[in-house]
Amino acid sequence: DTTFSVSAPYYRTPVGTFSNSASPYGTFDQGGNVWEWNEEVVSD
């Protein structure tokens, strides 16, 4: 958002860094850090 959350050389944060930003089920980093694969077949 105009800047990276974490600058070079890291870019990604350690998992769980945003300790008060869990999903309602208790997961962390489902928004941001890295895209995450799922099983969906979107195209051929």
PDB file of all heavy atoms in Angstrom:
ATOM      1  N   ASP A   1       0.858  -1.182   0.000  1.00  0.00           N
ATOM      2  CA  ASP A   1       0.000   0.000   0.000  1.00  0.00           C
ATOM      3  C   ASP A   1       0.894   1.231   0.000  1.00  0.00           C
ATOM      4  O   ASP A   1       1.235   1.774   1.040  1.00  0.00           O
ATOM      5  CB  ASP A   1      -0.919  -0.003   1.219  1.00  0.00           C
ATOM      6  CG  ASP A   1      -1.863   1.185   1.245  1.00  0.00           C
ATOM      7  OD1 ASP A   1      -1.973   1.873   0.215  1.00  0.00           O
ATOM      8  OD2 ASP A   1      -2.483   1.434   2.300  1.00  0.00           O
ATOM      9  N   THR A   2       1.320   1.653  -1.162  1.00  0.00           N
ATOM     10  CA  THR A   2       2.325   2.693  -1.419  1.00  0.00           C
ATOM     11  C   THR A   2       3.726   2.260  -0.981  1.00  0.00           C
ATOM     12  O   THR A   2       4.720   2.665  -1.564  1.00  0.00           O
ATOM     13  CB  THR A   2       1.976   4.061  -0.772  1.00  0.00           C
ATOM     14  OG1 THR A   2       2.075   3.961   0.657  1.00  0.00           O
ATOM     15  CG2 THR A   2       0.567   4.504  -1.152  1.00  0.00           C
ATOM     16  N   THR A   3       3.805   1.454   0.063  1.00  0.00           N
ATOM     17  CA  THR A   3       5.079   0.875   0.494  1.00  0.00           C
ATOM     18  C   THR A   3       4.853  -0.586   0.886  1.00  0.00           C
ATOM     19  O   THR A   3       3.726  -1.005   1.152  1.00  0.00           O
ATOM     20  CB  THR A   3       5.669   1.618   1.708  1.00  0.00           C
ATOM     21  OG1 THR A   3       4.740   1.524   2.797  1.00  0.00           O
ATOM     22  CG2 THR A   3       5.940   3.073   1.384  1.00  0.00           C
ATOM     23  N   PHE A   4       5.937  -1.353   0.926  1.00  0.00           N
ATOM     24  CA  PHE A   4       5.863  -2.721   1.425  1.00  0.00           C
ATOM     25  C   PHE A   4       5.691  -2.703   2.941  1.00  0.00           C
ATOM     26  O   PHE A   4       6.171  -1.792   3.629  1.00  0.00           O
ATOM     27  CB  PHE A   4       7.136  -3.501   1.082  1.00  0.00           C
ATOM     28  CG  PHE A   4       7.298  -3.813  -0.369  1.00  0.00           C
ATOM     29  CD1 PHE A   4       8.262  -3.162  -1.138  1.00  0.00           C
ATOM     30  CD2 PHE A   4       6.505  -4.768  -0.980  1.00  0.00           C
ATOM     31  CE1 PHE A   4       8.428  -3.450  -2.482  1.00  0.00           C
ATOM     32  CE2 PHE A   4       6.654  -5.070  -2.325  1.00  0.00           C
ATOM     33  CZ  PHE A   4       7.620  -4.409  -3.079  1.00  0.00           C
ATOM     34  N   SER A   5       5.034  -3.705   3.471  1.00  0.00           N
ATOM     35  CA  SER A   5       4.958  -3.847   4.924  1.00  0.00           C
ATOM     36  C   SER A   5       6.341  -4.091   5.508  1.00  0.00           C
ATOM     37  O   SER A   5       6.675  -3.599   6.588  1.00  0.00           O
ATOM     38  CB  SER A   5       4.037  -5.017   5.298  1.00  0.00           C
ATOM     39  OG  SER A   5       2.719  -4.791   4.885  1.00  0.00           O
ATOM     40  N   VAL A   6       7.146  -4.889   4.791  1.00  0.00           N
ATOM     41  CA  VAL A   6       8.508  -5.210   5.204  1.00  0.00           C
ATOM     42  C   VAL A   6       9.413  -4.986   4.004  1.00  0.00           C
ATOM     43  O   VAL A   6       9.159  -5.516   2.924  1.00  0.00           O
ATOM     44  CB  VAL A   6       8.624  -6.678   5.680  1.00  0.00           C
ATOM     45  CG1 VAL A   6      10.051  -7.000   6.085  1.00  0.00           C
ATOM     46  CG2 VAL A   6       7.673  -6.945   6.830  1.00  0.00           C
ATOM     47  N   SER A   7      10.460  -4.235   4.168  1.00  0.00           N
ATOM     48  CA  SER A   7      11.336  -3.899   3.053  1.00  0.00           C
ATOM     49  C   SER A   7      12.332  -5.025   2.773  1.00  0.00           C
ATOM     50  O   SER A   7      12.395  -6.028   3.485  1.00  0.00           O
ATOM     51  CB  SER A   7      12.080  -2.594   3.352  1.00  0.00           C
ATOM     52  OG  SER A   7      12.859  -2.726   4.525  1.00  0.00           O
ATOM     53  N   ALA A   8      13.125  -4.825   1.749  1.00  0.00           N
ATOM     54  CA  ALA A   8      14.166  -5.792   1.399  1.00  0.00           C
ATOM     55  C   ALA A   8      15.125  -5.963   2.596  1.00  0.00           C
ATOM     56  O   ALA A   8      15.337  -5.030   3.354  1.00  0.00           O
ATOM     57  CB  ALA A   8      14.932  -5.292   0.186  1.00  0.00           C
ATOM     58  N   PRO A   9      15.704  -7.136   2.775  1.00  0.00           N
ATOM     59  CA  PRO A   9      15.635  -8.295   1.887  1.00  0.00           C
ATOM     60  C   PRO A   9      14.511  -9.275   2.239  1.00  0.00           C
ATOM     61  O   PRO A   9      14.395 -10.318   1.614  1.00  0.00           O
ATOM     62  CB  PRO A   9      16.985  -8.964   2.120  1.00  0.00           C
ATOM     63  CG  PRO A   9      17.239  -8.720   3.590  1.00  0.00           C
ATOM     64  CD  PRO A   9      16.712  -7.333   3.859  1.00  0.00           C
ATOM     65  N   TYR A  10      13.680  -8.939   3.234  1.00  0.00           N
ATOM     66  CA  TYR A  10      12.728  -9.928   3.749  1.00  0.00           C
ATOM     67  C   TYR A  10      11.416  -9.968   2.967  1.00  0.00           C
ATOM     68  O   TYR A  10      10.969 -11.029   2.551  1.00  0.00           O
ATOM     69  CB  TYR A  10      12.452  -9.672   5.227  1.00  0.00           C
ATOM     70  CG  TYR A  10      13.676  -9.760   6.094  1.00  0.00           C
ATOM     71  CD1 TYR A  10      14.240  -8.614   6.644  1.00  0.00           C
ATOM     72  CD2 TYR A  10      14.293 -10.980   6.323  1.00  0.00           C
ATOM     73  CE1 TYR A  10      15.382  -8.690   7.435  1.00  0.00           C
ATOM     74  CE2 TYR A  10      15.435 -11.066   7.108  1.00  0.00           C
ATOM     75  CZ  TYR A  10      15.970  -9.917   7.663  1.00  0.00           C
ATOM     76  OH  TYR A  10      17.096  -9.999   8.432  1.00  0.00           O
ATOM     77  N   TYR A  11      10.766  -8.839   2.815  1.00  0.00           N
ATOM     78  CA  TYR A  11       9.482  -8.715   2.140  1.00  0.00           C
ATOM     79  C   TYR A  11       8.360  -9.460   2.860  1.00  0.00           C
ATOM     80  O   TYR A  11       7.303  -8.911   3.129  1.00  0.00           O
ATOM     81  CB  TYR A  11       9.568  -9.177   0.683  1.00  0.00           C
ATOM     82  CG  TYR A  11      10.472  -8.312  -0.155  1.00  0.00           C
ATOM     83  CD1 TYR A  11      11.727  -8.781  -0.531  1.00  0.00           C
ATOM     84  CD2 TYR A  11      10.089  -7.035  -0.543  1.00  0.00           C
ATOM     85  CE1 TYR A  11      12.575  -7.983  -1.291  1.00  0.00           C
ATOM     86  CE2 TYR A  11      10.936  -6.234  -1.296  1.00  0.00           C
ATOM     87  CZ  TYR A  11      12.181  -6.717  -1.676  1.00  0.00           C
ATOM     88  OH  TYR A  11      13.013  -5.933  -2.413  1.00  0.00           O
ATOM     89  N   ARG A  12       8.567 -10.699   3.176  1.00  0.00           N
ATOM     90  CA  ARG A  12       7.546 -11.492   3.875  1.00  0.00           C
ATOM     91  C   ARG A  12       7.788 -11.431   5.383  1.00  0.00           C
ATOM     92  O   ARG A  12       8.926 -11.369   5.841  1.00  0.00           O
ATOM     93  CB  ARG A  12       7.568 -12.940   3.378  1.00  0.00           C
ATOM     94  CG  ARG A  12       7.224 -13.057   1.904  1.00  0.00           C
ATOM     95  CD  ARG A  12       7.589 -14.414   1.306  1.00  0.00           C
ATOM     96  NE  ARG A  12       9.003 -14.717   1.372  1.00  0.00           N
ATOM     97  CZ  ARG A  12       9.900 -14.301   0.469  1.00  0.00           C
ATOM     98  NH1 ARG A  12       9.521 -13.559  -0.543  1.00  0.00           N
ATOM     99  NH2 ARG A  12      11.160 -14.628   0.592  1.00  0.00           N
ATOM    100  N   THR A  13       6.724 -11.450   6.127  1.00  0.00           N
ATOM    101  CA  THR A  13       6.818 -11.448   7.587  1.00  0.00           C
ATOM    102  C   THR A  13       6.818 -12.878   8.110  1.00  0.00           C
ATOM    103  O   THR A  13       6.249 -13.770   7.479  1.00  0.00           O
ATOM    104  CB  THR A  13       5.629 -10.702   8.208  1.00  0.00           C
ATOM    105  OG1 THR A  13       4.417 -11.128   7.578  1.00  0.00           O
ATOM    106  CG2 THR A  13       5.771  -9.200   8.039  1.00  0.00           C
ATOM    107  N   PRO A  14       7.412 -13.115   9.270  1.00  0.00           N
ATOM    108  CA  PRO A  14       7.289 -14.431   9.888  1.00  0.00           C
ATOM    109  C   PRO A  14       5.799 -14.746  10.100  1.00  0.00           C
ATOM    110  O   PRO A  14       5.003 -13.858  10.393  1.00  0.00           O
ATOM    111  CB  PRO A  14       8.018 -14.292  11.223  1.00  0.00           C
ATOM    112  CG  PRO A  14       9.025 -13.211  10.967  1.00  0.00           C
ATOM    113  CD  PRO A  14       8.317 -12.244  10.056  1.00  0.00           C
ATOM    114  N   VAL A  15       5.432 -15.976   9.923  1.00  0.00           N
ATOM    115  CA  VAL A  15       4.018 -16.349  10.051  1.00  0.00           C
ATOM    116  C   VAL A  15       3.525 -16.010  11.448  1.00  0.00           C
ATOM    117  O   VAL A  15       4.221 -16.202  12.435  1.00  0.00           O
ATOM    118  CB  VAL A  15       3.787 -17.839   9.739  1.00  0.00           C
ATOM    119  CG1 VAL A  15       4.132 -18.137   8.289  1.00  0.00           C
ATOM    120  CG2 VAL A  15       4.595 -18.732  10.656  1.00  0.00           C
ATOM    121  N   GLY A  16       2.320 -15.452  11.522  1.00  0.00           N
ATOM    122  CA  GLY A  16       1.742 -15.099  12.808  1.00  0.00           C
ATOM    123  C   GLY A  16       2.211 -13.775  13.367  1.00  0.00           C
ATOM    124  O   GLY A  16       1.871 -13.427  14.508  1.00  0.00           O
ATOM    125  N   THR A  17       2.966 -13.004  12.583  1.00  0.00           N
ATOM    126  CA  THR A  17       3.452 -11.703  13.065  1.00  0.00           C
ATOM    127  C   THR A  17       2.303 -10.796  13.495  1.00  0.00           C
ATOM    128  O   THR A  17       2.384 -10.100  14.514  1.00  0.00           O
ATOM    129  CB  THR A  17       4.276 -11.008  11.963  1.00  0.00           C
ATOM    130  OG1 THR A  17       5.504 -11.703  11.794  1.00  0.00           O
ATOM    131  CG2 THR A  17       4.566  -9.557  12.314  1.00  0.00           C
ATOM    132  N   PHE A  18       1.215 -10.819  12.734  1.00  0.00           N
ATOM    133  CA  PHE A  18       0.064  -9.963  13.046  1.00  0.00           C
ATOM    134  C   PHE A  18      -0.832 -10.702  14.046  1.00  0.00           C
ATOM    135  O   PHE A  18      -1.879 -11.255  13.714  1.00  0.00           O
ATOM    136  CB  PHE A  18      -0.675  -9.607  11.759  1.00  0.00           C
ATOM    137  CG  PHE A  18       0.211  -8.915  10.753  1.00  0.00           C
ATOM    138  CD1 PHE A  18       0.706  -9.595   9.653  1.00  0.00           C
ATOM    139  CD2 PHE A  18       0.583  -7.583  10.938  1.00  0.00           C
ATOM    140  CE1 PHE A  18       1.533  -8.967   8.736  1.00  0.00           C
ATOM    141  CE2 PHE A  18       1.418  -6.944  10.030  1.00  0.00           C
ATOM    142  CZ  PHE A  18       1.897  -7.631   8.928  1.00  0.00           C
ATOM    143  N   SER A  19      -0.390 -10.682  15.287  1.00  0.00           N
ATOM    144  CA  SER A  19      -0.928 -11.575  16.321  1.00  0.00           C
ATOM    145  C   SER A  19      -2.361 -11.278  16.732  1.00  0.00           C
ATOM    146  O   SER A  19      -3.023 -12.138  17.321  1.00  0.00           O
ATOM    147  CB  SER A  19      -0.024 -11.534  17.558  1.00  0.00           C
ATOM    148  OG  SER A  19       0.080 -10.203  18.041  1.00  0.00           O
ATOM    149  N   ASN A  20      -2.862 -10.093  16.443  1.00  0.00           N
ATOM    150  CA  ASN A  20      -4.244  -9.750  16.762  1.00  0.00           C
ATOM    151  C   ASN A  20      -5.103  -9.653  15.512  1.00  0.00           C
ATOM    152  O   ASN A  20      -6.175  -9.042  15.538  1.00  0.00           O
ATOM    153  CB  ASN A  20      -4.298  -8.425  17.543  1.00  0.00           C
ATOM    154  CG  ASN A  20      -3.711  -8.557  18.930  1.00  0.00           C
ATOM    155  OD1 ASN A  20      -3.921  -9.555  19.618  1.00  0.00           O
ATOM    156  ND2 ASN A  20      -2.942  -7.558  19.346  1.00  0.00           N
ATOM    157  N   SER A  21      -4.649 -10.265  14.430  1.00  0.00           N
ATOM    158  CA  SER A  21      -5.347 -10.188  13.146  1.00  0.00           C
ATOM    159  C   SER A  21      -5.716 -11.572  12.625  1.00  0.00           C
ATOM    160  O   SER A  21      -5.607 -11.862  11.425  1.00  0.00           O
ATOM    161  CB  SER A  21      -4.476  -9.444  12.126  1.00  0.00           C
ATOM    162  OG  SER A  21      -4.217  -8.126  12.559  1.00  0.00           O
ATOM    163  N   ALA A  22      -6.159 -12.429  13.522  1.00  0.00           N
ATOM    164  CA  ALA A  22      -6.578 -13.780  13.127  1.00  0.00           C
ATOM    165  C   ALA A  22      -7.947 -13.749  12.454  1.00  0.00           C
ATOM    166  O   ALA A  22      -8.756 -12.839  12.680  1.00  0.00           O
ATOM    167  CB  ALA A  22      -6.629 -14.686  14.347  1.00  0.00           C
ATOM    168  N   SER A  23      -8.228 -14.745  11.637  1.00  0.00           N
ATOM    169  CA  SER A  23      -9.572 -14.938  11.106  1.00  0.00           C
ATOM    170  C   SER A  23     -10.486 -15.407  12.226  1.00  0.00           C
ATOM    171  O   SER A  23     -10.016 -15.805  13.304  1.00  0.00           O
ATOM    172  CB  SER A  23      -9.542 -15.984   9.988  1.00  0.00           C
ATOM    173  OG  SER A  23      -9.422 -17.296  10.543  1.00  0.00           O
ATOM    174  N   PRO A  24     -11.804 -15.406  12.028  1.00  0.00           N
ATOM    175  CA  PRO A  24     -12.714 -15.889  13.075  1.00  0.00           C
ATOM    176  C   PRO A  24     -12.439 -17.323  13.519  1.00  0.00           C
ATOM    177  O   PRO A  24     -12.794 -17.701  14.641  1.00  0.00           O
ATOM    178  CB  PRO A  24     -14.099 -15.753  12.434  1.00  0.00           C
ATOM    179  CG  PRO A  24     -13.950 -14.591  11.488  1.00  0.00           C
ATOM    180  CD  PRO A  24     -12.561 -14.763  10.923  1.00  0.00           C
ATOM    181  N   TYR A  25     -11.802 -18.122  12.672  1.00  0.00           N
ATOM    182  CA  TYR A  25     -11.463 -19.502  13.049  1.00  0.00           C
ATOM    183  C   TYR A  25     -10.062 -19.615  13.643  1.00  0.00           C
ATOM    184  O   TYR A  25      -9.670 -20.685  14.100  1.00  0.00           O
ATOM    185  CB  TYR A  25     -11.594 -20.432  11.839  1.00  0.00           C
ATOM    186  CG  TYR A  25     -13.031 -20.708  11.453  1.00  0.00           C
ATOM    187  CD1 TYR A  25     -13.632 -20.003  10.417  1.00  0.00           C
ATOM    188  CD2 TYR A  25     -13.796 -21.658  12.131  1.00  0.00           C
ATOM    189  CE1 TYR A  25     -14.952 -20.235  10.052  1.00  0.00           C
ATOM    190  CE2 TYR A  25     -15.113 -21.904  11.779  1.00  0.00           C
ATOM    191  CZ  TYR A  25     -15.687 -21.189  10.744  1.00  0.00           C
ATOM    192  OH  TYR A  25     -17.000 -21.416  10.400  1.00  0.00           O
ATOM    193  N   GLY A  26      -9.280 -18.536  13.595  1.00  0.00           N
ATOM    194  CA  GLY A  26      -7.967 -18.552  14.237  1.00  0.00           C
ATOM    195  C   GLY A  26      -6.782 -18.753  13.320  1.00  0.00           C
ATOM    196  O   GLY A  26      -5.690 -19.076  13.789  1.00  0.00           O
ATOM    197  N   THR A  27      -6.952 -18.545  12.017  1.00  0.00           N
ATOM    198  CA  THR A  27      -5.819 -18.632  11.092  1.00  0.00           C
ATOM    199  C   THR A  27      -5.133 -17.272  10.978  1.00  0.00           C
ATOM    200  O   THR A  27      -5.720 -16.233  11.266  1.00  0.00           O
ATOM    201  CB  THR A  27      -6.263 -19.067   9.696  1.00  0.00           C
ATOM    202  OG1 THR A  27      -7.140 -18.059   9.152  1.00  0.00           O
ATOM    203  CG2 THR A  27      -6.979 -20.409   9.738  1.00  0.00           C
ATOM    204  N   PHE A  28      -3.879 -17.294  10.518  1.00  0.00           N
ATOM    205  CA  PHE A  28      -3.125 -16.065  10.329  1.00  0.00           C
ATOM    206  C   PHE A  28      -2.602 -15.976   8.900  1.00  0.00           C
ATOM    207  O   PHE A  28      -2.294 -16.987   8.276  1.00  0.00           O
ATOM    208  CB  PHE A  28      -1.946 -16.005  11.303  1.00  0.00           C
ATOM    209  CG  PHE A  28      -2.369 -15.793  12.737  1.00  0.00           C
ATOM    210  CD1 PHE A  28      -2.658 -16.886  13.552  1.00  0.00           C
ATOM    211  CD2 PHE A  28      -2.524 -14.514  13.248  1.00  0.00           C
ATOM    212  CE1 PHE A  28      -3.075 -16.702  14.858  1.00  0.00           C
ATOM    213  CE2 PHE A  28      -2.930 -14.318  14.562  1.00  0.00           C
ATOM    214  CZ  PHE A  28      -3.213 -15.406  15.373  1.00  0.00           C
ATOM    215  N   ASP A  29      -2.541 -14.764   8.390  1.00  0.00           N
ATOM    216  CA  ASP A  29      -1.911 -14.462   7.096  1.00  0.00           C
ATOM    217  C   ASP A  29      -2.652 -15.041   5.895  1.00  0.00           C
ATOM    218  O   ASP A  29      -2.049 -15.248   4.834  1.00  0.00           O
ATOM    219  CB  ASP A  29      -0.449 -14.951   7.066  1.00  0.00           C
ATOM    220  CG  ASP A  29       0.385 -14.355   8.186  1.00  0.00           C
ATOM    221  OD1 ASP A  29       0.380 -13.120   8.320  1.00  0.00           O
ATOM    222  OD2 ASP A  29       1.026 -15.133   8.927  1.00  0.00           O
ATOM    223  N   GLN A  30      -3.960 -15.279   6.021  1.00  0.00           N
ATOM    224  CA  GLN A  30      -4.697 -15.670   4.817  1.00  0.00           C
ATOM    225  C   GLN A  30      -4.907 -14.468   3.900  1.00  0.00           C
ATOM    226  O   GLN A  30      -5.320 -14.644   2.752  1.00  0.00           O
ATOM    227  CB  GLN A  30      -6.026 -16.342   5.173  1.00  0.00           C
ATOM    228  CG  GLN A  30      -5.835 -17.769   5.680  1.00  0.00           C
ATOM    229  CD  GLN A  30      -7.102 -18.599   5.655  1.00  0.00           C
ATOM    230  OE1 GLN A  30      -7.780 -18.737   6.672  1.00  0.00           O
ATOM    231  NE2 GLN A  30      -7.437 -19.160   4.503  1.00  0.00           N
ATOM    232  N   GLY A  31      -4.604 -13.287   4.394  1.00  0.00           N
ATOM    233  CA  GLY A  31      -4.568 -12.097   3.570  1.00  0.00           C
ATOM    234  C   GLY A  31      -3.157 -11.550   3.543  1.00  0.00           C
ATOM    235  O   GLY A  31      -2.636 -11.078   4.550  1.00  0.00           O
ATOM    236  N   GLY A  32      -2.491 -11.620   2.380  1.00  0.00           N
ATOM    237  CA  GLY A  32      -1.138 -11.106   2.250  1.00  0.00           C
ATOM    238  C   GLY A  32      -0.062 -12.126   2.542  1.00  0.00           C
ATOM    239  O   GLY A  32      -0.329 -13.314   2.702  1.00  0.00           O
ATOM    240  N   ASN A  33       1.155 -11.673   2.583  1.00  0.00           N
ATOM    241  CA  ASN A  33       2.363 -12.486   2.762  1.00  0.00           C
ATOM    242  C   ASN A  33       2.675 -13.266   1.492  1.00  0.00           C
ATOM    243  O   ASN A  33       3.614 -12.966   0.791  1.00  0.00           O
ATOM    244  CB  ASN A  33       2.276 -13.402   3.986  1.00  0.00           C
ATOM    245  CG  ASN A  33       3.533 -13.366   4.835  1.00  0.00           C
ATOM    246  OD1 ASN A  33       4.425 -12.568   4.615  1.00  0.00           O
ATOM    247  ND2 ASN A  33       3.610 -14.244   5.822  1.00  0.00           N
ATOM    248  N   VAL A  34       1.935 -14.333   1.195  1.00  0.00           N
ATOM    249  CA  VAL A  34       2.059 -15.028  -0.095  1.00  0.00           C
ATOM    250  C   VAL A  34       0.679 -15.484  -0.552  1.00  0.00           C
ATOM    251  O   VAL A  34      -0.188 -15.775   0.258  1.00  0.00           O
ATOM    252  CB  VAL A  34       2.994 -16.259  -0.015  1.00  0.00           C
ATOM    253  CG1 VAL A  34       4.444 -15.839   0.116  1.00  0.00           C
ATOM    254  CG2 VAL A  34       2.589 -17.199   1.104  1.00  0.00           C
ATOM    255  N   TRP A  35       0.498 -15.511  -1.870  1.00  0.00           N
ATOM    256  CA  TRP A  35      -0.671 -16.195  -2.412  1.00  0.00           C
ATOM    257  C   TRP A  35      -0.612 -17.655  -1.968  1.00  0.00           C
ATOM    258  O   TRP A  35       0.473 -18.225  -1.822  1.00  0.00           O
ATOM    259  CB  TRP A  35      -0.673 -16.143  -3.942  1.00  0.00           C
ATOM    260  CG  TRP A  35      -0.920 -14.799  -4.540  1.00  0.00           C
ATOM    261  CD1 TRP A  35       0.013 -13.875  -4.914  1.00  0.00           C
ATOM    262  CD2 TRP A  35      -2.189 -14.235  -4.865  1.00  0.00           C
ATOM    263  NE1 TRP A  35      -0.596 -12.765  -5.448  1.00  0.00           N
ATOM    264  CE2 TRP A  35      -1.938 -12.950  -5.436  1.00  0.00           C
ATOM    265  CE3 TRP A  35      -3.516 -14.679  -4.744  1.00  0.00           C
ATOM    266  CZ2 TRP A  35      -2.974 -12.114  -5.873  1.00  0.00           C
ATOM    267  CZ3 TRP A  35      -4.540 -13.838  -5.178  1.00  0.00           C
ATOM    268  CH2 TRP A  35      -4.266 -12.578  -5.734  1.00  0.00           C
ATOM    269  N   GLU A  36      -1.768 -18.276  -1.788  1.00  0.00           N
ATOM    270  CA  GLU A  36      -1.814 -19.662  -1.326  1.00  0.00           C
ATOM    271  C   GLU A  36      -2.609 -20.517  -2.311  1.00  0.00           C
ATOM    272  O   GLU A  36      -3.735 -20.185  -2.692  1.00  0.00           O
ATOM    273  CB  GLU A  36      -2.437 -19.726   0.071  1.00  0.00           C
ATOM    274  CG  GLU A  36      -1.629 -18.953   1.106  1.00  0.00           C
ATOM    275  CD  GLU A  36      -2.289 -18.933   2.480  1.00  0.00           C
ATOM    276  OE1 GLU A  36      -3.227 -19.732   2.718  1.00  0.00           O
ATOM    277  OE2 GLU A  36      -1.883 -18.109   3.326  1.00  0.00           O
ATOM    278  N   TRP A  37      -1.998 -21.633  -2.697  1.00  0.00           N
ATOM    279  CA  TRP A  37      -2.650 -22.571  -3.611  1.00  0.00           C
ATOM    280  C   TRP A  37      -3.927 -23.147  -2.997  1.00  0.00           C
ATOM    281  O   TRP A  37      -3.997 -23.370  -1.790  1.00  0.00           O
ATOM    282  CB  TRP A  37      -1.731 -23.740  -3.931  1.00  0.00           C
ATOM    283  CG  TRP A  37      -0.560 -23.457  -4.810  1.00  0.00           C
ATOM    284  CD1 TRP A  37       0.769 -23.505  -4.472  1.00  0.00           C
ATOM    285  CD2 TRP A  37      -0.597 -23.124  -6.206  1.00  0.00           C
ATOM    286  NE1 TRP A  37       1.559 -23.212  -5.561  1.00  0.00           N
ATOM    287  CE2 TRP A  37       0.749 -22.974  -6.637  1.00  0.00           C
ATOM    288  CE3 TRP A  37      -1.629 -22.936  -7.130  1.00  0.00           C
ATOM    289  CZ2 TRP A  37       1.081 -22.650  -7.955  1.00  0.00           C
ATOM    290  CZ3 TRP A  37      -1.298 -22.600  -8.438  1.00  0.00           C
ATOM    291  CH2 TRP A  37       0.030 -22.466  -8.838  1.00  0.00           C
ATOM    292  N   ASN A  38      -4.918 -23.423  -3.853  1.00  0.00           N
ATOM    293  CA  ASN A  38      -6.034 -24.287  -3.467  1.00  0.00           C
ATOM    294  C   ASN A  38      -6.260 -25.307  -4.579  1.00  0.00           C
ATOM    295  O   ASN A  38      -5.590 -25.263  -5.621  1.00  0.00           O
ATOM    296  CB  ASN A  38      -7.293 -23.477  -3.124  1.00  0.00           C
ATOM    297  CG  ASN A  38      -7.848 -22.673  -4.296  1.00  0.00           C
ATOM    298  OD1 ASN A  38      -8.256 -23.221  -5.324  1.00  0.00           O
ATOM    299  ND2 ASN A  38      -7.854 -21.345  -4.145  1.00  0.00           N
ATOM    300  N   GLU A  39      -7.162 -26.239  -4.369  1.00  0.00           N
ATOM    301  CA  GLU A  39      -7.350 -27.335  -5.331  1.00  0.00           C
ATOM    302  C   GLU A  39      -8.176 -26.949  -6.553  1.00  0.00           C
ATOM    303  O   GLU A  39      -8.266 -27.733  -7.505  1.00  0.00           O
ATOM    304  CB  GLU A  39      -8.035 -28.525  -4.645  1.00  0.00           C
ATOM    305  CG  GLU A  39      -7.150 -29.319  -3.731  1.00  0.00           C
ATOM    306  CD  GLU A  39      -7.836 -30.579  -3.208  1.00  0.00           C
ATOM    307  OE1 GLU A  39      -9.081 -30.684  -3.321  1.00  0.00           O
ATOM    308  OE2 GLU A  39      -7.138 -31.449  -2.681  1.00  0.00           O
ATOM    309  N   GLU A  40      -8.803 -25.802  -6.541  1.00  0.00           N
ATOM    310  CA  GLU A  40      -9.738 -25.431  -7.599  1.00  0.00           C
ATOM    311  C   GLU A  40      -9.105 -25.534  -8.991  1.00  0.00           C
ATOM    312  O   GLU A  40      -8.002 -25.034  -9.235  1.00  0.00           O
ATOM    313  CB  GLU A  40     -10.248 -24.011  -7.381  1.00  0.00           C
ATOM    314  CG  GLU A  40     -11.314 -23.567  -8.357  1.00  0.00           C
ATOM    315  CD  GLU A  40     -12.668 -24.218  -8.130  1.00  0.00           C
ATOM    316  OE1 GLU A  40     -12.826 -24.908  -7.098  1.00  0.00           O
ATOM    317  OE2 GLU A  40     -13.566 -24.032  -8.966  1.00  0.00           O
ATOM    318  N   VAL A  41      -9.833 -26.193  -9.906  1.00  0.00           N
ATOM    319  CA  VAL A  41      -9.451 -26.225 -11.312  1.00  0.00           C
ATOM    320  C   VAL A  41     -10.169 -25.051 -11.977  1.00  0.00           C
ATOM    321  O   VAL A  41     -11.378 -25.092 -12.212  1.00  0.00           O
ATOM    322  CB  VAL A  41      -9.845 -27.560 -11.966  1.00  0.00           C
ATOM    323  CG1 VAL A  41      -9.575 -27.526 -13.470  1.00  0.00           C
ATOM    324  CG2 VAL A  41      -9.078 -28.709 -11.322  1.00  0.00           C
ATOM    325  N   VAL A  42      -9.434 -23.991 -12.250  1.00  0.00           N
ATOM    326  CA  VAL A  42     -10.033 -22.767 -12.779  1.00  0.00           C
ATOM    327  C   VAL A  42     -10.170 -22.834 -14.298  1.00  0.00           C
ATOM    328  O   VAL A  42     -11.112 -22.291 -14.871  1.00  0.00           O
ATOM    329  CB  VAL A  42      -9.187 -21.542 -12.363  1.00  0.00           C
ATOM    330  CG1 VAL A  42      -9.757 -20.253 -12.933  1.00  0.00           C
ATOM    331  CG2 VAL A  42      -9.117 -21.440 -10.838  1.00  0.00           C
ATOM    332  N   SER A  43      -9.226 -23.498 -14.941  1.00  0.00           N
ATOM    333  CA  SER A  43      -9.257 -23.675 -16.392  1.00  0.00           C
ATOM    334  C   SER A  43      -8.514 -24.960 -16.713  1.00  0.00           C
ATOM    335  O   SER A  43      -8.100 -25.694 -15.812  1.00  0.00           O
ATOM    336  CB  SER A  43      -8.585 -22.485 -17.091  1.00  0.00           C
ATOM    337  OG  SER A  43      -7.183 -22.518 -16.862  1.00  0.00           O
ATOM    338  N   ASP A  44      -8.296 -25.228 -17.988  1.00  0.00           N
ATOM    339  CA  ASP A  44      -7.567 -26.438 -18.376  1.00  0.00           C
ATOM    340  C   ASP A  44      -6.127 -26.423 -17.881  1.00  0.00           C
ATOM    341  O   ASP A  44      -5.492 -27.462 -17.771  1.00  0.00           O
ATOM    342  CB  ASP A  44      -7.566 -26.591 -19.902  1.00  0.00           C
ATOM    343  CG  ASP A  44      -8.937 -26.952 -20.454  1.00  0.00           C
ATOM    344  OD1 ASP A  44      -9.800 -27.406 -19.663  1.00  0.00           O
ATOM    345  OD2 ASP A  44      -9.147 -26.764 -21.673  1.00  0.00           O
TER     346      ASP A  44
END
